[in-house]
Amino acid sequence: MLETNFGTAINASASAALVARPCQMIGFYVNSTNAGTLVIHDSPSTGTNNAITGTITPAIGWMEFPVSLSTGLRVVIAGTALDITVFVKL
């Protein structure tokens, strides 16, 4: 059986709830950055702190990050500027 490693692309340049249900994150592509930072949460709610990463300061390019998220996906973007495209299996 051929394993497919593709998913839905979701762009973010500010903090946002990207998926409001369980999903699998494949990874993310950093389109541009100027000292931007990222924290990934397993929760679409801003009232819940379910961070699954510390603060990431990514470089431009592909970051493989396979993880199952039980309640949803929220990203917190801070710093000067960061534009990412997250790939998830819904």
C-alpha atoms as a PDB file:
ATOM      1  CA  MET A   1       0.000   0.000   0.000  1.00  0.00           C
ATOM      2  CA  LEU A   2       1.327   3.416  -0.951  1.00  0.00           C
ATOM      3  CA  GLU A   3       1.503   5.843   1.947  1.00  0.00           C
ATOM      4  CA  THR A   4       0.403   9.333   1.023  1.00  0.00           C
ATOM      5  CA  ASN A   5       2.035  12.176   2.845  1.00  0.00           C
ATOM      6  CA  PHE A   6       0.002  15.134   1.682  1.00  0.00           C
ATOM      7  CA  GLY A   7      -2.751  17.200   3.161  1.00  0.00           C
ATOM      8  CA  THR A   8      -4.690  20.422   3.155  1.00  0.00           C
ATOM      9  CA  ALA A   9      -2.610  23.602   3.011  1.00  0.00           C
ATOM     10  CA  ILE A  10      -3.543  26.400   5.438  1.00  0.00           C
ATOM     11  CA  ASN A  11      -1.679  29.715   5.397  1.00  0.00           C
ATOM     12  CA  ALA A  12      -1.109  31.827   8.518  1.00  0.00           C
ATOM     13  CA  SER A  13       0.762  35.069   9.138  1.00  0.00           C
ATOM     14  CA  ALA A  14      -0.809  35.823  12.527  1.00  0.00           C
ATOM     15  CA  SER A  15      -1.961  33.798  15.526  1.00  0.00           C
ATOM     16  CA  ALA A  16      -5.057  31.773  14.629  1.00  0.00           C
ATOM     17  CA  ALA A  17      -7.112  28.636  15.209  1.00  0.00           C
ATOM     18  CA  LEU A  18      -6.451  26.747  11.958  1.00  0.00           C
ATOM     19  CA  VAL A  19      -8.443  23.531  12.603  1.00  0.00           C
ATOM     20  CA  ALA A  20     -11.295  23.137  15.116  1.00  0.00           C
ATOM     21  CA  ARG A  21     -11.392  19.321  15.219  1.00  0.00           C
ATOM     22  CA  PRO A  22      -8.941  16.429  15.564  1.00  0.00           C
ATOM     23  CA  CYS A  23      -6.392  16.279  12.759  1.00  0.00           C
ATOM     24  CA  GLN A  24      -2.886  15.190  11.863  1.00  0.00           C
ATOM     25  CA  MET A  25      -0.240  17.762  11.130  1.00  0.00           C
ATOM     26  CA  ILE A  26       2.343  16.748   8.524  1.00  0.00           C
ATOM     27  CA  GLY A  27       4.577  19.779   8.808  1.00  0.00           C
ATOM     28  CA  PHE A  28       4.843  23.395   7.772  1.00  0.00           C
ATOM     29  CA  TYR A  29       6.622  25.521   5.202  1.00  0.00           C
ATOM     30  CA  VAL A  30       8.075  28.859   6.261  1.00  0.00           C
ATOM     31  CA  ASN A  31       7.353  31.214   3.375  1.00  0.00           C
ATOM     32  CA  SER A  32       9.032  34.245   4.939  1.00  0.00           C
ATOM     33  CA  THR A  33      10.343  35.364   8.289  1.00  0.00           C
ATOM     34  CA  ASN A  34      11.984  38.331   9.929  1.00  0.00           C
ATOM     35  CA  ALA A  35      12.749  37.092  13.447  1.00  0.00           C
ATOM     36  CA  GLY A  36       9.245  35.596  13.725  1.00  0.00           C
ATOM     37  CA  THR A  37       8.449  32.884  16.260  1.00  0.00           C
ATOM     38  CA  LEU A  38       5.899  30.085  16.393  1.00  0.00           C
ATOM     39  CA  VAL A  39       4.240  27.979  19.107  1.00  0.00           C
ATOM     40  CA  ILE A  40       1.951  25.091  18.096  1.00  0.00           C
ATOM     41  CA  HIS A  41      -1.043  24.180  20.297  1.00  0.00           C
ATOM     42  CA  ASP A  42      -3.295  21.105  20.407  1.00  0.00           C
ATOM     43  CA  SER A  43      -6.397  23.230  20.911  1.00  0.00           C
ATOM     44  CA  PRO A  44      -8.324  25.649  18.727  1.00  0.00           C
ATOM     45  CA  SER A  45      -9.250  27.716  21.801  1.00  0.00           C
ATOM     46  CA  THR A  46      -7.171  30.672  22.944  1.00  0.00           C
ATOM     47  CA  GLY A  47      -8.389  29.992  26.486  1.00  0.00           C
ATOM     48  CA  THR A  48      -6.612  26.633  26.609  1.00  0.00           C
ATOM     49  CA  ASN A  49      -2.838  26.351  26.860  1.00  0.00           C
ATOM     50  CA  ASN A  50      -2.075  22.990  25.271  1.00  0.00           C
ATOM     51  CA  ALA A  51       1.258  23.955  23.720  1.00  0.00           C
ATOM     52  CA  ILE A  52       2.987  20.968  22.139  1.00  0.00           C
ATOM     53  CA  THR A  53       6.138  22.936  21.311  1.00  0.00           C
ATOM     54  CA  GLY A  54       8.267  25.546  22.912  1.00  0.00           C
ATOM     55  CA  THR A  55       8.973  28.726  21.003  1.00  0.00           C
ATOM     56  CA  ILE A  56      10.291  27.885  17.540  1.00  0.00           C
ATOM     57  CA  THR A  57      12.337  30.428  15.546  1.00  0.00           C
ATOM     58  CA  PRO A  58      12.201  28.766  12.124  1.00  0.00           C
ATOM     59  CA  ALA A  59      14.251  29.443   9.008  1.00  0.00           C
ATOM     60  CA  ILE A  60      12.677  29.627   5.556  1.00  0.00           C
ATOM     61  CA  GLY A  61      11.923  26.164   4.163  1.00  0.00           C
ATOM     62  CA  TRP A  62      10.136  22.901   4.954  1.00  0.00           C
ATOM     63  CA  MET A  63       9.841  21.690   8.547  1.00  0.00           C
ATOM     64  CA  GLU A  64       8.580  18.121   8.894  1.00  0.00           C
ATOM     65  CA  PHE A  65       6.441  17.914  12.038  1.00  0.00           C
ATOM     66  CA  PRO A  66       4.203  14.819  12.057  1.00  0.00           C
ATOM     67  CA  VAL A  67       1.859  14.876  15.034  1.00  0.00           C
ATOM     68  CA  SER A  68      -1.716  13.868  15.856  1.00  0.00           C
ATOM     69  CA  LEU A  69      -3.759  16.645  17.430  1.00  0.00           C
ATOM     70  CA  SER A  70      -6.669  15.453  19.567  1.00  0.00           C
ATOM     71  CA  THR A  71      -8.731  18.655  19.713  1.00  0.00           C
ATOM     72  CA  GLY A  72      -7.513  20.936  16.906  1.00  0.00           C
ATOM     73  CA  LEU A  73      -4.669  23.148  15.757  1.00  0.00           C
ATOM     74  CA  ARG A  74      -3.838  26.667  16.822  1.00  0.00           C
ATOM     75  CA  VAL A  75      -0.663  28.577  16.024  1.00  0.00           C
ATOM     76  CA  VAL A  76       0.702  31.519  17.986  1.00  0.00           C
ATOM     77  CA  ILE A  77       2.888  33.716  15.808  1.00  0.00           C
ATOM     78  CA  ALA A  78       4.942  36.493  17.377  1.00  0.00           C
ATOM     79  CA  GLY A  79       8.002  38.569  16.624  1.00  0.00           C
ATOM     80  CA  THR A  80       8.548  40.878  13.701  1.00  0.00           C
ATOM     81  CA  ALA A  81       7.048  38.770  10.897  1.00  0.00           C
ATOM     82  CA  LEU A  82       6.370  35.126  10.030  1.00  0.00           C
ATOM     83  CA  ASP A  83       4.334  33.652   7.168  1.00  0.00           C
ATOM     84  CA  ILE A  84       3.800  29.868   7.181  1.00  0.00           C
ATOM     85  CA  THR A  85       1.783  27.267   5.326  1.00  0.00           C
ATOM     86  CA  VAL A  86       0.738  24.347   7.541  1.00  0.00           C
ATOM     87  CA  PHE A  87      -0.151  20.991   5.977  1.00  0.00           C
ATOM     88  CA  VAL A  88      -2.734  18.873   7.815  1.00  0.00           C
ATOM     89  CA  LYS A  89      -4.769  15.728   7.222  1.00  0.00           C
ATOM     90  CA  LEU A  90      -8.357  16.443   8.214  1.00  0.00           C
END
